PDB file of all heavy atoms in Angstrom:
ATOM      1  N   CYS A   1       0.811  -1.223  -0.002  1.00  0.00           N
ATOM      2  CA  CYS A   1      -0.003  -0.001  -0.002  1.00  0.00           C
ATOM      3  C   CYS A   1       0.848   1.281   0.006  1.00  0.00           C
ATOM      4  O   CYS A   1       0.611   2.190  -0.808  1.00  0.00           O
ATOM      5  CB  CYS A   1      -0.964  -0.019   1.184  1.00  0.00           C
ATOM      6  SG  CYS A   1      -2.190   1.295   1.138  1.00  0.00           S
ATOM      7  N   PRO A   2       1.874   1.405   0.867  1.00  0.00           N
ATOM      8  CA  PRO A   2       2.720   2.609   0.794  1.00  0.00           C
ATOM      9  C   PRO A   2       3.421   2.754  -0.559  1.00  0.00           C
ATOM     10  O   PRO A   2       3.508   3.877  -1.090  1.00  0.00           O
ATOM     11  CB  PRO A   2       3.739   2.389   1.919  1.00  0.00           C
ATOM     12  CG  PRO A   2       3.033   1.525   2.901  1.00  0.00           C
ATOM     13  CD  PRO A   2       2.207   0.595   2.047  1.00  0.00           C
ATOM     14  N   LEU A   3       3.905   1.660  -1.107  1.00  0.00           N
ATOM     15  CA  LEU A   3       4.542   1.741  -2.438  1.00  0.00           C
ATOM     16  C   LEU A   3       3.545   2.158  -3.505  1.00  0.00           C
ATOM     17  O   LEU A   3       3.872   2.947  -4.386  1.00  0.00           O
ATOM     18  CB  LEU A   3       5.158   0.379  -2.812  1.00  0.00           C
ATOM     19  CG  LEU A   3       6.395  -0.064  -2.019  1.00  0.00           C
ATOM     20  CD1 LEU A   3       6.795  -1.486  -2.402  1.00  0.00           C
ATOM     21  CD2 LEU A   3       7.561   0.907  -2.285  1.00  0.00           C
ATOM     22  N   GLY A   4       2.328   1.621  -3.419  1.00  0.00           N
ATOM     23  CA  GLY A   4       1.277   2.016  -4.378  1.00  0.00           C
ATOM     24  C   GLY A   4       0.935   3.484  -4.234  1.00  0.00           C
ATOM     25  O   GLY A   4       0.708   4.179  -5.241  1.00  0.00           O
ATOM     26  N   LEU A   5       0.841   3.964  -2.997  1.00  0.00           N
ATOM     27  CA  LEU A   5       0.560   5.395  -2.764  1.00  0.00           C
ATOM     28  C   LEU A   5       1.640   6.268  -3.395  1.00  0.00           C
ATOM     29  O   LEU A   5       1.341   7.274  -4.059  1.00  0.00           O
ATOM     30  CB  LEU A   5       0.442   5.670  -1.261  1.00  0.00           C
ATOM     31  CG  LEU A   5       0.289   7.143  -0.864  1.00  0.00           C
ATOM     32  CD1 LEU A   5      -1.007   7.716  -1.439  1.00  0.00           C
ATOM     33  CD2 LEU A   5       0.327   7.300   0.654  1.00  0.00           C
ATOM     34  N   TRP A   6       2.918   5.879  -3.187  1.00  0.00           N
ATOM     35  CA  TRP A   6       3.970   6.664  -3.780  1.00  0.00           C
ATOM     36  C   TRP A   6       3.901   6.595  -5.330  1.00  0.00           C
ATOM     37  O   TRP A   6       4.148   7.599  -6.001  1.00  0.00           O
ATOM     38  CB  TRP A   6       5.352   6.221  -3.315  1.00  0.00           C
ATOM     39  CG  TRP A   6       6.441   7.027  -3.991  1.00  0.00           C
ATOM     40  CD1 TRP A   6       7.304   6.616  -4.933  1.00  0.00           C
ATOM     41  CD2 TRP A   6       6.675   8.418  -3.806  1.00  0.00           C
ATOM     42  NE1 TRP A   6       8.087   7.636  -5.369  1.00  0.00           N
ATOM     43  CE2 TRP A   6       7.718   8.774  -4.685  1.00  0.00           C
ATOM     44  CE3 TRP A   6       6.091   9.399  -3.003  1.00  0.00           C
ATOM     45  CZ2 TRP A   6       8.215  10.081  -4.757  1.00  0.00           C
ATOM     46  CZ3 TRP A   6       6.598  10.699  -3.068  1.00  0.00           C
ATOM     47  CH2 TRP A   6       7.635  11.041  -3.951  1.00  0.00           C
ATOM     48  N   GLY A   7       3.522   5.454  -5.855  1.00  0.00           N
ATOM     49  CA  GLY A   7       3.386   5.330  -7.300  1.00  0.00           C
ATOM     50  C   GLY A   7       2.311   6.268  -7.849  1.00  0.00           C
ATOM     51  O   GLY A   7       2.476   6.893  -8.902  1.00  0.00           O
ATOM     52  N   VAL A   8       1.205   6.390  -7.112  1.00  0.00           N
ATOM     53  CA  VAL A   8       0.139   7.327  -7.518  1.00  0.00           C
ATOM     54  C   VAL A   8       0.673   8.755  -7.518  1.00  0.00           C
ATOM     55  O   VAL A   8       0.413   9.538  -8.448  1.00  0.00           O
ATOM     56  CB  VAL A   8      -1.090   7.188  -6.584  1.00  0.00           C
ATOM     57  CG1 VAL A   8      -2.088   8.312  -6.835  1.00  0.00           C
ATOM     58  CG2 VAL A   8      -1.750   5.823  -6.789  1.00  0.00           C
ATOM     59  N   ILE A   9       1.397   9.126  -6.445  1.00  0.00           N
ATOM     60  CA  ILE A   9       1.958  10.486  -6.352  1.00  0.00           C
ATOM     61  C   ILE A   9       2.988  10.746  -7.452  1.00  0.00           C
ATOM     62  O   ILE A   9       2.988  11.792  -8.109  1.00  0.00           O
ATOM     63  CB  ILE A   9       2.584  10.682  -4.958  1.00  0.00           C
ATOM     64  CG1 ILE A   9       1.506  10.653  -3.868  1.00  0.00           C
ATOM     65  CG2 ILE A   9       3.333  12.003  -4.898  1.00  0.00           C
ATOM     66  CD1 ILE A   9       2.055  10.629  -2.462  1.00  0.00           C
ATOM     67  N   ALA A  10       3.874   9.772  -7.665  1.00  0.00           N
ATOM     68  CA  ALA A  10       4.970   9.942  -8.616  1.00  0.00           C
ATOM     69  C   ALA A  10       4.470  10.038 -10.060  1.00  0.00           C
ATOM     70  O   ALA A  10       5.119  10.656 -10.914  1.00  0.00           O
ATOM     71  CB  ALA A  10       5.970   8.791  -8.464  1.00  0.00           C
ATOM     72  N   THR A  11       3.337   9.418 -10.351  1.00  0.00           N
ATOM     73  CA  THR A  11       2.818   9.410 -11.751  1.00  0.00           C
ATOM     74  C   THR A  11       1.660  10.380 -11.923  1.00  0.00           C
ATOM     75  O   THR A  11       0.938  10.312 -12.919  1.00  0.00           O
ATOM     76  CB  THR A  11       2.371   8.000 -12.127  1.00  0.00           C
ATOM     77  OG1 THR A  11       1.337   7.562 -11.238  1.00  0.00           O
ATOM     78  CG2 THR A  11       3.537   7.006 -12.067  1.00  0.00           C
ATOM     79  N   ARG A  12       1.472  11.303 -10.985  1.00  0.00           N
ATOM     80  CA  ARG A  12       0.288  12.172 -11.029  1.00  0.00           C
ATOM     81  C   ARG A  12       0.236  13.060 -12.250  1.00  0.00           C
ATOM     82  O   ARG A  12      -0.854  13.491 -12.657  1.00  0.00           O
ATOM     83  CB  ARG A  12       0.230  13.041  -9.749  1.00  0.00           C
ATOM     84  CG  ARG A  12       1.371  14.015  -9.610  1.00  0.00           C
ATOM     85  CD  ARG A  12       1.411  14.634  -8.218  1.00  0.00           C
ATOM     86  NE  ARG A  12       2.473  15.631  -8.062  1.00  0.00           N
ATOM     87  CZ  ARG A  12       3.737  15.330  -7.835  1.00  0.00           C
ATOM     88  NH1 ARG A  12       4.105  14.053  -7.736  1.00  0.00           N
ATOM     89  NH2 ARG A  12       4.649  16.278  -7.685  1.00  0.00           N
ATOM     90  N   GLN A  13       1.372  13.360 -12.833  1.00  0.00           N
ATOM     91  CA  GLN A  13       1.377  14.213 -14.027  1.00  0.00           C
ATOM     92  C   GLN A  13       0.713  13.532 -15.213  1.00  0.00           C
ATOM     93  O   GLN A  13       0.330  14.184 -16.191  1.00  0.00           O
ATOM     94  CB  GLN A  13       2.813  14.638 -14.389  1.00  0.00           C
ATOM     95  CG  GLN A  13       3.436  15.575 -13.344  1.00  0.00           C
ATOM     96  CD  GLN A  13       4.843  15.980 -13.699  1.00  0.00           C
ATOM     97  OE1 GLN A  13       5.498  15.343 -14.529  1.00  0.00           O
ATOM     98  NE2 GLN A  13       5.320  17.064 -13.102  1.00  0.00           N
ATOM     99  N   ARG A  14       0.567  12.202 -15.140  1.00  0.00           N
ATOM    100  CA  ARG A  14      -0.092  11.446 -16.217  1.00  0.00           C
ATOM    101  C   ARG A  14      -1.568  11.141 -15.868  1.00  0.00           C
ATOM    102  O   ARG A  14      -2.129  10.174 -16.357  1.00  0.00           O
ATOM    103  CB  ARG A  14       0.664  10.138 -16.467  1.00  0.00           C
ATOM    104  CG  ARG A  14       2.124  10.369 -16.856  1.00  0.00           C
ATOM    105  CD  ARG A  14       2.803   9.074 -17.236  1.00  0.00           C
ATOM    106  NE  ARG A  14       2.216   8.478 -18.409  1.00  0.00           N
ATOM    107  CZ  ARG A  14       1.655   7.259 -18.451  1.00  0.00           C
ATOM    108  NH1 ARG A  14       1.586   6.517 -17.331  1.00  0.00           N
ATOM    109  NH2 ARG A  14       1.135   6.794 -19.558  1.00  0.00           N
ATOM    110  N   TRP A  15      -2.182  12.006 -15.082  1.00  0.00           N
ATOM    111  CA  TRP A  15      -3.542  11.716 -14.582  1.00  0.00           C
ATOM    112  C   TRP A  15      -4.536  11.604 -15.720  1.00  0.00           C
ATOM    113  O   TRP A  15      -5.528  10.873 -15.607  1.00  0.00           O
ATOM    114  CB  TRP A  15      -3.970  12.832 -13.601  1.00  0.00           C
ATOM    115  CG  TRP A  15      -4.192  14.173 -14.246  1.00  0.00           C
ATOM    116  CD1 TRP A  15      -3.286  15.165 -14.378  1.00  0.00           C
ATOM    117  CD2 TRP A  15      -5.406  14.651 -14.839  1.00  0.00           C
ATOM    118  NE1 TRP A  15      -3.826  16.250 -15.014  1.00  0.00           N
ATOM    119  CE2 TRP A  15      -5.144  15.973 -15.316  1.00  0.00           C
ATOM    120  CE3 TRP A  15      -6.691  14.119 -15.018  1.00  0.00           C
ATOM    121  CZ2 TRP A  15      -6.108  16.733 -15.955  1.00  0.00           C
ATOM    122  CZ3 TRP A  15      -7.654  14.881 -15.638  1.00  0.00           C
ATOM    123  CH2 TRP A  15      -7.374  16.169 -16.093  1.00  0.00           C
ATOM    124  N   GLN A  16      -4.308  12.294 -16.838  1.00  0.00           N
ATOM    125  CA  GLN A  16      -5.265  12.215 -17.951  1.00  0.00           C
ATOM    126  C   GLN A  16      -5.295  10.824 -18.566  1.00  0.00           C
ATOM    127  O   GLN A  16      -6.294  10.441 -19.180  1.00  0.00           O
ATOM    128  CB  GLN A  16      -4.902  13.267 -19.016  1.00  0.00           C
ATOM    129  CG  GLN A  16      -5.179  14.687 -18.548  1.00  0.00           C
ATOM    130  CD  GLN A  16      -4.801  15.731 -19.598  1.00  0.00           C
ATOM    131  OE1 GLN A  16      -3.697  15.683 -20.180  1.00  0.00           O
ATOM    132  NE2 GLN A  16      -5.686  16.672 -19.855  1.00  0.00           N
ATOM    133  N   VAL A  17      -4.206  10.086 -18.425  1.00  0.00           N
ATOM    134  CA  VAL A  17      -4.132   8.715 -18.914  1.00  0.00           C
ATOM    135  C   VAL A  17      -4.612   7.738 -17.852  1.00  0.00           C
ATOM    136  O   VAL A  17      -5.224   6.703 -18.160  1.00  0.00           O
ATOM    137  CB  VAL A  17      -2.689   8.366 -19.340  1.00  0.00           C
ATOM    138  CG1 VAL A  17      -2.571   6.891 -19.765  1.00  0.00           C
ATOM    139  CG2 VAL A  17      -2.233   9.264 -20.491  1.00  0.00           C
ATOM    140  N   LEU A  18      -4.385   8.098 -16.588  1.00  0.00           N
ATOM    141  CA  LEU A  18      -4.584   7.142 -15.484  1.00  0.00           C
ATOM    142  C   LEU A  18      -5.863   7.362 -14.687  1.00  0.00           C
ATOM    143  O   LEU A  18      -6.106   6.641 -13.724  1.00  0.00           O
ATOM    144  CB  LEU A  18      -3.388   7.217 -14.527  1.00  0.00           C
ATOM    145  CG  LEU A  18      -2.016   6.886 -15.120  1.00  0.00           C
ATOM    146  CD1 LEU A  18      -0.903   7.183 -14.124  1.00  0.00           C
ATOM    147  CD2 LEU A  18      -1.967   5.409 -15.518  1.00  0.00           C
ATOM    148  N   TRP A  19      -6.716   8.319 -15.063  1.00  0.00           N
ATOM    149  CA  TRP A  19      -7.825   8.642 -14.162  1.00  0.00           C
ATOM    150  C   TRP A  19      -8.819   7.503 -14.027  1.00  0.00           C
ATOM    151  O   TRP A  19      -9.483   7.373 -12.978  1.00  0.00           O
ATOM    152  CB  TRP A  19      -8.502   9.956 -14.560  1.00  0.00           C
ATOM    153  CG  TRP A  19      -9.240   9.990 -15.868  1.00  0.00           C
ATOM    154  CD1 TRP A  19      -8.724  10.338 -17.076  1.00  0.00           C
ATOM    155  CD2 TRP A  19     -10.622   9.721 -16.075  1.00  0.00           C
ATOM    156  NE1 TRP A  19      -9.699  10.315 -18.034  1.00  0.00           N
ATOM    157  CE2 TRP A  19     -10.888   9.940 -17.441  1.00  0.00           C
ATOM    158  CE3 TRP A  19     -11.688   9.340 -15.253  1.00  0.00           C
ATOM    159  CZ2 TRP A  19     -12.146   9.752 -17.995  1.00  0.00           C
ATOM    160  CZ3 TRP A  19     -12.952   9.156 -15.820  1.00  0.00           C
ATOM    161  CH2 TRP A  19     -13.160   9.346 -17.169  1.00  0.00           C
ATOM    162  N   LEU A  20      -8.924   6.635 -15.019  1.00  0.00           N
ATOM    163  CA  LEU A  20      -9.821   5.476 -14.845  1.00  0.00           C
ATOM    164  C   LEU A  20      -9.275   4.589 -13.750  1.00  0.00           C
ATOM    165  O   LEU A  20     -10.030   4.112 -12.889  1.00  0.00           O
ATOM    166  CB  LEU A  20      -9.922   4.686 -16.168  1.00  0.00           C
ATOM    167  CG  LEU A  20     -10.703   3.362 -16.008  1.00  0.00           C
ATOM    168  CD1 LEU A  20     -12.168   3.618 -15.656  1.00  0.00           C
ATOM    169  CD2 LEU A  20     -10.630   2.545 -17.283  1.00  0.00           C
ATOM    170  N   GLN A  21      -7.956   4.350 -13.732  1.00  0.00           N
ATOM    171  CA  GLN A  21      -7.368   3.523 -12.681  1.00  0.00           C
ATOM    172  C   GLN A  21      -7.567   4.145 -11.312  1.00  0.00           C
ATOM    173  O   GLN A  21      -7.842   3.422 -10.338  1.00  0.00           O
ATOM    174  CB  GLN A  21      -5.879   3.311 -12.951  1.00  0.00           C
ATOM    175  CG  GLN A  21      -5.546   2.272 -14.018  1.00  0.00           C
ATOM    176  CD  GLN A  21      -5.974   2.731 -15.445  1.00  0.00           C
ATOM    177  OE1 GLN A  21      -5.899   3.929 -15.767  1.00  0.00           O
ATOM    178  NE2 GLN A  21      -6.398   1.778 -16.244  1.00  0.00           N
ATOM    179  N   TYR A  22      -7.483   5.488 -11.217  1.00  0.00           N
ATOM    180  CA  TYR A  22      -7.764   6.139  -9.942  1.00  0.00           C
ATOM    181  C   TYR A  22      -9.190   5.872  -9.495  1.00  0.00           C
ATOM    182  O   TYR A  22      -9.437   5.545  -8.310  1.00  0.00           O
ATOM    183  CB  TYR A  22      -7.571   7.658 -10.068  1.00  0.00           C
ATOM    184  CG  TYR A  22      -6.194   8.140 -10.410  1.00  0.00           C
ATOM    185  CD1 TYR A  22      -5.998   9.345 -11.078  1.00  0.00           C
ATOM    186  CD2 TYR A  22      -5.048   7.395 -10.090  1.00  0.00           C
ATOM    187  CE1 TYR A  22      -4.725   9.825 -11.397  1.00  0.00           C
ATOM    188  CE2 TYR A  22      -3.765   7.851 -10.430  1.00  0.00           C
ATOM    189  CZ  TYR A  22      -3.627   9.057 -11.075  1.00  0.00           C
ATOM    190  OH  TYR A  22      -2.379   9.524 -11.397  1.00  0.00           O
ATOM    191  N   LEU A  23     -10.145   6.017 -10.409  1.00  0.00           N
ATOM    192  CA  LEU A  23     -11.543   5.823 -10.058  1.00  0.00           C
ATOM    193  C   LEU A  23     -11.834   4.361  -9.674  1.00  0.00           C
ATOM    194  O   LEU A  23     -12.603   4.106  -8.742  1.00  0.00           O
ATOM    195  CB  LEU A  23     -12.452   6.252 -11.221  1.00  0.00           C
ATOM    196  CG  LEU A  23     -12.596   7.763 -11.441  1.00  0.00           C
ATOM    197  CD1 LEU A  23     -13.443   8.031 -12.646  1.00  0.00           C
ATOM    198  CD2 LEU A  23     -13.166   8.449 -10.214  1.00  0.00           C
ATOM    199  N   LEU A  24     -11.261   3.427 -10.407  1.00  0.00           N
ATOM    200  CA  LEU A  24     -11.464   2.013 -10.067  1.00  0.00           C
ATOM    201  C   LEU A  24     -10.947   1.733  -8.656  1.00  0.00           C
ATOM    202  O   LEU A  24     -11.596   1.060  -7.865  1.00  0.00           O
ATOM    203  CB  LEU A  24     -10.743   1.124 -11.081  1.00  0.00           C
ATOM    204  CG  LEU A  24     -11.272   1.131 -12.519  1.00  0.00           C
ATOM    205  CD1 LEU A  24     -10.380   0.242 -13.396  1.00  0.00           C
ATOM    206  CD2 LEU A  24     -12.719   0.660 -12.586  1.00  0.00           C
ATOM    207  N   LEU A  25      -9.770   2.261  -8.343  1.00  0.00           N
ATOM    208  CA  LEU A  25      -9.172   2.026  -7.042  1.00  0.00           C
ATOM    209  C   LEU A  25      -9.985   2.667  -5.916  1.00  0.00           C
ATOM    210  O   LEU A  25     -10.313   2.010  -4.909  1.00  0.00           O
ATOM    211  CB  LEU A  25      -7.731   2.580  -7.060  1.00  0.00           C
ATOM    212  CG  LEU A  25      -6.901   2.381  -5.798  1.00  0.00           C
ATOM    213  CD1 LEU A  25      -6.749   0.933  -5.451  1.00  0.00           C
ATOM    214  CD2 LEU A  25      -5.511   3.018  -6.011  1.00  0.00           C
ATOM    215  N   LEU A  26     -10.331   3.941  -6.075  1.00  0.00           N
ATOM    216  CA  LEU A  26     -11.059   4.635  -5.034  1.00  0.00           C
ATOM    217  C   LEU A  26     -12.450   4.051  -4.817  1.00  0.00           C
ATOM    218  O   LEU A  26     -12.919   3.928  -3.664  1.00  0.00           O
ATOM    219  CB  LEU A  26     -11.158   6.139  -5.366  1.00  0.00           C
ATOM    220  CG  LEU A  26      -9.845   6.922  -5.284  1.00  0.00           C
ATOM    221  CD1 LEU A  26     -10.048   8.341  -5.816  1.00  0.00           C
ATOM    222  CD2 LEU A  26      -9.323   6.951  -3.852  1.00  0.00           C
ATOM    223  N   SER A  27     -13.142   3.704  -5.893  1.00  0.00           N
ATOM    224  CA  SER A  27     -14.493   3.166  -5.754  1.00  0.00           C
ATOM    225  C   SER A  27     -14.472   1.782  -5.123  1.00  0.00           C
ATOM    226  O   SER A  27     -15.361   1.419  -4.331  1.00  0.00           O
ATOM    227  CB  SER A  27     -15.207   3.116  -7.119  1.00  0.00           C
ATOM    228  OG  SER A  27     -14.466   2.344  -8.042  1.00  0.00           O
ATOM    229  N   MET A  28     -13.421   0.982  -5.389  1.00  0.00           N
ATOM    230  CA  MET A  28     -13.334  -0.330  -4.734  1.00  0.00           C
ATOM    231  C   MET A  28     -13.034  -0.189  -3.245  1.00  0.00           C
ATOM    232  O   MET A  28     -13.608  -0.911  -2.412  1.00  0.00           O
ATOM    233  CB  MET A  28     -12.265  -1.169  -5.422  1.00  0.00           C
ATOM    234  CG  MET A  28     -12.113  -2.589  -4.843  1.00  0.00           C
ATOM    235  SD  MET A  28     -13.663  -3.532  -4.750  1.00  0.00           S
ATOM    236  CE  MET A  28     -14.078  -3.717  -6.481  1.00  0.00           C
ATOM    237  N   ILE A  29     -12.154   0.756  -2.879  1.00  0.00           N
ATOM    238  CA  ILE A  29     -11.923   1.004  -1.481  1.00  0.00           C
ATOM    239  C   ILE A  29     -13.205   1.421  -0.768  1.00  0.00           C
ATOM    240  O   ILE A  29     -13.543   0.927   0.313  1.00  0.00           O
ATOM    241  CB  ILE A  29     -10.818   2.069  -1.303  1.00  0.00           C
ATOM    242  CG1 ILE A  29      -9.468   1.540  -1.767  1.00  0.00           C
ATOM    243  CG2 ILE A  29     -10.746   2.553   0.155  1.00  0.00           C
ATOM    244  CD1 ILE A  29      -8.378   2.590  -1.802  1.00  0.00           C
ATOM    245  N   ALA A  30     -13.958   2.319  -1.393  1.00  0.00           N
ATOM    246  CA  ALA A  30     -15.227   2.784  -0.841  1.00  0.00           C
ATOM    247  C   ALA A  30     -16.206   1.631  -0.697  1.00  0.00           C
ATOM    248  O   ALA A  30     -16.922   1.537   0.326  1.00  0.00           O
ATOM    249  CB  ALA A  30     -15.809   3.897  -1.704  1.00  0.00           C
ATOM    250  N   ALA A  31     -16.253   0.749  -1.688  1.00  0.00           N
ATOM    251  CA  ALA A  31     -17.181  -0.385  -1.635  1.00  0.00           C
ATOM    252  C   ALA A  31     -16.871  -1.317  -0.468  1.00  0.00           C
ATOM    253  O   ALA A  31     -17.777  -1.828   0.180  1.00  0.00           O
ATOM    254  CB  ALA A  31     -17.148  -1.152  -2.953  1.00  0.00           C
ATOM    255  N   VAL A  32     -15.593  -1.521  -0.212  1.00  0.00           N
ATOM    256  CA  VAL A  32     -15.208  -2.388   0.914  1.00  0.00           C
ATOM    257  C   VAL A  32     -15.524  -1.713   2.244  1.00  0.00           C
ATOM    258  O   VAL A  32     -16.088  -2.326   3.156  1.00  0.00           O
ATOM    259  CB  VAL A  32     -13.703  -2.749   0.828  1.00  0.00           C
ATOM    260  CG1 VAL A  32     -13.287  -3.593   2.027  1.00  0.00           C
ATOM    261  CG2 VAL A  32     -13.406  -3.512  -0.479  1.00  0.00           C
ATOM    262  N   VAL A  33     -15.194  -0.436   2.348  1.00  0.00           N
ATOM    263  CA  VAL A  33     -15.428   0.302   3.606  1.00  0.00           C
ATOM    264  C   VAL A  33     -16.925   0.379   3.923  1.00  0.00           C
ATOM    265  O   VAL A  33     -17.323   0.280   5.080  1.00  0.00           O
ATOM    266  CB  VAL A  33     -14.791   1.712   3.532  1.00  0.00           C
ATOM    267  CG1 VAL A  33     -15.247   2.573   4.712  1.00  0.00           C
ATOM    268  CG2 VAL A  33     -13.276   1.596   3.499  1.00  0.00           C
ATOM    269  N   LEU A  34     -17.759   0.555   2.926  1.00  0.00           N
ATOM    270  CA  LEU A  34     -19.179   0.710   3.154  1.00  0.00           C
ATOM    271  C   LEU A  34     -19.843  -0.579   3.657  1.00  0.00           C
ATOM    272  O   LEU A  34     -20.920  -0.504   4.248  1.00  0.00           O
ATOM    273  CB  LEU A  34     -19.872   1.158   1.852  1.00  0.00           C
ATOM    274  CG  LEU A  34     -19.820   2.654   1.554  1.00  0.00           C
ATOM    275  CD1 LEU A  34     -20.328   2.947   0.162  1.00  0.00           C
ATOM    276  CD2 LEU A  34     -20.605   3.449   2.599  1.00  0.00           C
ATOM    277  N   PHE A  35     -19.218  -1.704   3.441  1.00  0.00           N
ATOM    278  CA  PHE A  35     -19.815  -2.966   3.911  1.00  0.00           C
ATOM    279  C   PHE A  35     -18.981  -3.475   5.107  1.00  0.00           C
ATOM    280  O   PHE A  35     -19.092  -2.955   6.176  1.00  0.00           O
ATOM    281  CB  PHE A  35     -19.891  -3.955   2.760  1.00  0.00           C
ATOM    282  CG  PHE A  35     -20.966  -3.575   1.752  1.00  0.00           C
ATOM    283  CD1 PHE A  35     -20.734  -2.630   0.767  1.00  0.00           C
ATOM    284  CD2 PHE A  35     -22.233  -4.144   1.860  1.00  0.00           C
ATOM    285  CE1 PHE A  35     -21.739  -2.273  -0.124  1.00  0.00           C
ATOM    286  CE2 PHE A  35     -23.248  -3.796   0.962  1.00  0.00           C
ATOM    287  CZ  PHE A  35     -22.993  -2.864  -0.016  1.00  0.00           C
ATOM    288  N   PHE A  36     -18.195  -4.505   4.953  1.00  0.00           N
ATOM    289  CA  PHE A  36     -17.356  -4.979   6.056  1.00  0.00           C
ATOM    290  C   PHE A  36     -16.046  -5.527   5.479  1.00  0.00           C
ATOM    291  O   PHE A  36     -15.936  -5.782   4.277  1.00  0.00           O
ATOM    292  CB  PHE A  36     -18.057  -6.039   6.907  1.00  0.00           C
ATOM    293  CG  PHE A  36     -18.692  -7.166   6.126  1.00  0.00           C
ATOM    294  CD1 PHE A  36     -17.932  -8.254   5.753  1.00  0.00           C
ATOM    295  CD2 PHE A  36     -20.025  -7.153   5.790  1.00  0.00           C
ATOM    296  CE1 PHE A  36     -18.495  -9.317   5.039  1.00  0.00           C
ATOM    297  CE2 PHE A  36     -20.601  -8.195   5.072  1.00  0.00           C
ATOM    298  CZ  PHE A  36     -19.839  -9.273   4.707  1.00  0.00           C
TER     299      PHE A  36
END
């Protein structure tokens, strides 16, 4: 998780290419948190 977080930060300038991956990741985290 820390390595992945740094990867997100380090590649942020390519957000126009990667924004789907950001949304997939954030929505899956939210889905897990909302249940158990």
